[in-house]
Amino acid sequence: MLALAVQHDAEGEVELQITNDTPKESNMTLLFDGVLPTRRRRIEIQTVYLDRVTGIRTLLEELPLRIWWDDPRQPERVVIECLGIVELTSGS
């Protein structure tokens, strides 16, 4: 499991982007660079209340993953960069 928390009530809305491309903006800072194991080839993105935001079906059982954000104290934008995306599945 990998967790990243953003307090939107205190910090305002946060844009979440899921892509297979590296962000081009110079203000983005790399927060995580690693591999996420997923035997079922599925990843779920959820809120801290466990409400489903979206799902990702992948090609690989070990997904190369990077997480970027624009500000470590009050992020307005978070980018999840992952290679091997087959499709995004809608939220609940």
Protein backbone atom coordinates (compact mmCIF):
# COMPACT_ATOMS: atom_id res chain seq x y z
CA MET A 1 0.00 0.00 0.00
CA LEU A 2 1.15 3.52 -0.78
CA ALA A 3 -0.56 6.51 0.86
CA LEU A 4 -0.44 10.23 0.12
CA ALA A 5 -2.70 12.58 2.06
CA VAL A 6 -3.75 16.10 1.12
CA GLN A 7 -5.95 18.10 3.46
CA HIS A 8 -8.31 19.71 0.98
CA ASP A 9 -10.52 21.18 3.75
CA ALA A 10 -7.57 23.25 4.97
CA GLU A 11 -5.64 23.64 1.72
CA GLY A 12 -8.39 23.96 -0.88
CA GLU A 13 -9.05 21.75 -3.88
CA VAL A 14 -6.24 19.70 -5.37
CA GLU A 15 -6.03 18.72 -9.03
CA LEU A 16 -5.15 15.04 -9.49
CA GLN A 17 -3.77 13.92 -12.85
CA ILE A 18 -3.01 10.31 -13.78
CA THR A 19 -0.79 9.92 -16.81
CA ASN A 20 2.06 7.97 -18.37
CA ASP A 21 3.97 11.19 -19.09
CA THR A 22 6.43 13.09 -16.91
CA PRO A 23 5.09 16.54 -15.98
CA LYS A 24 6.67 19.29 -18.08
CA GLU A 25 6.21 22.12 -15.56
CA SER A 26 9.40 23.15 -13.76
CA ASN A 27 7.61 23.70 -10.43
CA MET A 28 6.75 19.99 -9.99
CA THR A 29 8.79 18.13 -7.36
CA LEU A 30 9.27 14.37 -7.35
CA LEU A 31 7.73 12.91 -4.18
CA PHE A 32 7.93 9.17 -4.92
CA ASP A 33 9.86 7.12 -7.49
CA GLY A 34 9.52 3.37 -7.20
CA VAL A 35 7.64 0.23 -8.08
CA LEU A 36 4.18 -0.66 -6.80
CA PRO A 37 3.48 -4.42 -6.72
CA THR A 38 0.03 -5.34 -8.00
CA ARG A 39 -0.56 -9.05 -8.56
CA ARG A 40 -4.10 -8.39 -9.79
CA ARG A 41 -2.85 -5.68 -12.16
CA ARG A 42 -5.23 -3.16 -10.64
CA ILE A 43 -4.67 -0.07 -8.55
CA GLU A 44 -7.37 1.83 -6.68
CA ILE A 45 -7.17 5.54 -5.89
CA GLN A 46 -9.28 6.36 -2.84
CA THR A 47 -9.98 9.28 -0.55
CA VAL A 48 -8.96 9.12 3.10
CA TYR A 49 -12.59 8.10 3.75
CA LEU A 50 -12.07 5.09 1.44
CA ASP A 51 -14.34 6.52 -1.25
CA ARG A 52 -13.17 5.30 -4.63
CA VAL A 53 -11.89 8.05 -6.94
CA THR A 54 -10.75 5.87 -9.85
CA GLY A 55 -9.04 2.63 -10.70
CA ILE A 56 -6.14 1.80 -12.97
CA ARG A 57 -5.80 -1.45 -14.89
CA THR A 58 -2.16 -2.17 -15.69
CA LEU A 59 -0.10 -4.34 -18.00
CA LEU A 60 2.41 -5.27 -15.33
CA GLU A 61 2.36 -6.90 -11.89
CA GLU A 62 5.04 -4.46 -10.79
CA LEU A 63 4.07 -0.96 -11.85
CA PRO A 64 6.77 1.72 -12.21
CA LEU A 65 5.27 4.74 -10.48
CA ARG A 66 6.24 8.34 -9.81
CA ILE A 67 4.26 10.89 -7.84
CA TRP A 68 4.88 14.60 -8.36
CA TRP A 69 3.45 17.65 -6.61
CA ASP A 70 3.78 21.38 -7.02
CA ASP A 71 4.21 22.32 -3.34
CA PRO A 72 5.12 20.09 -0.37
CA ARG A 73 3.19 22.27 2.10
CA GLN A 74 0.04 23.19 0.17
CA PRO A 75 -0.16 21.30 -3.12
CA GLU A 76 -2.65 22.46 -5.70
CA ARG A 77 -1.64 19.79 -8.19
CA VAL A 78 -0.59 16.14 -7.83
CA VAL A 79 0.50 14.05 -10.82
CA ILE A 80 0.64 10.25 -10.71
CA GLU A 81 2.91 9.07 -13.51
CA CYS A 82 2.72 5.36 -14.19
CA LEU A 83 3.87 3.27 -17.11
CA GLY A 84 1.80 0.35 -18.27
CA ILE A 85 -1.70 1.85 -17.93
CA VAL A 86 -4.26 -0.22 -19.83
CA GLU A 87 -7.25 1.90 -18.83
CA LEU A 88 -8.69 4.11 -16.13
CA THR A 89 -11.94 2.88 -14.63
CA SER A 90 -14.51 5.36 -13.37
CA GLY A 91 -15.17 6.20 -9.74
CA SER A 92 -18.16 4.89 -7.84
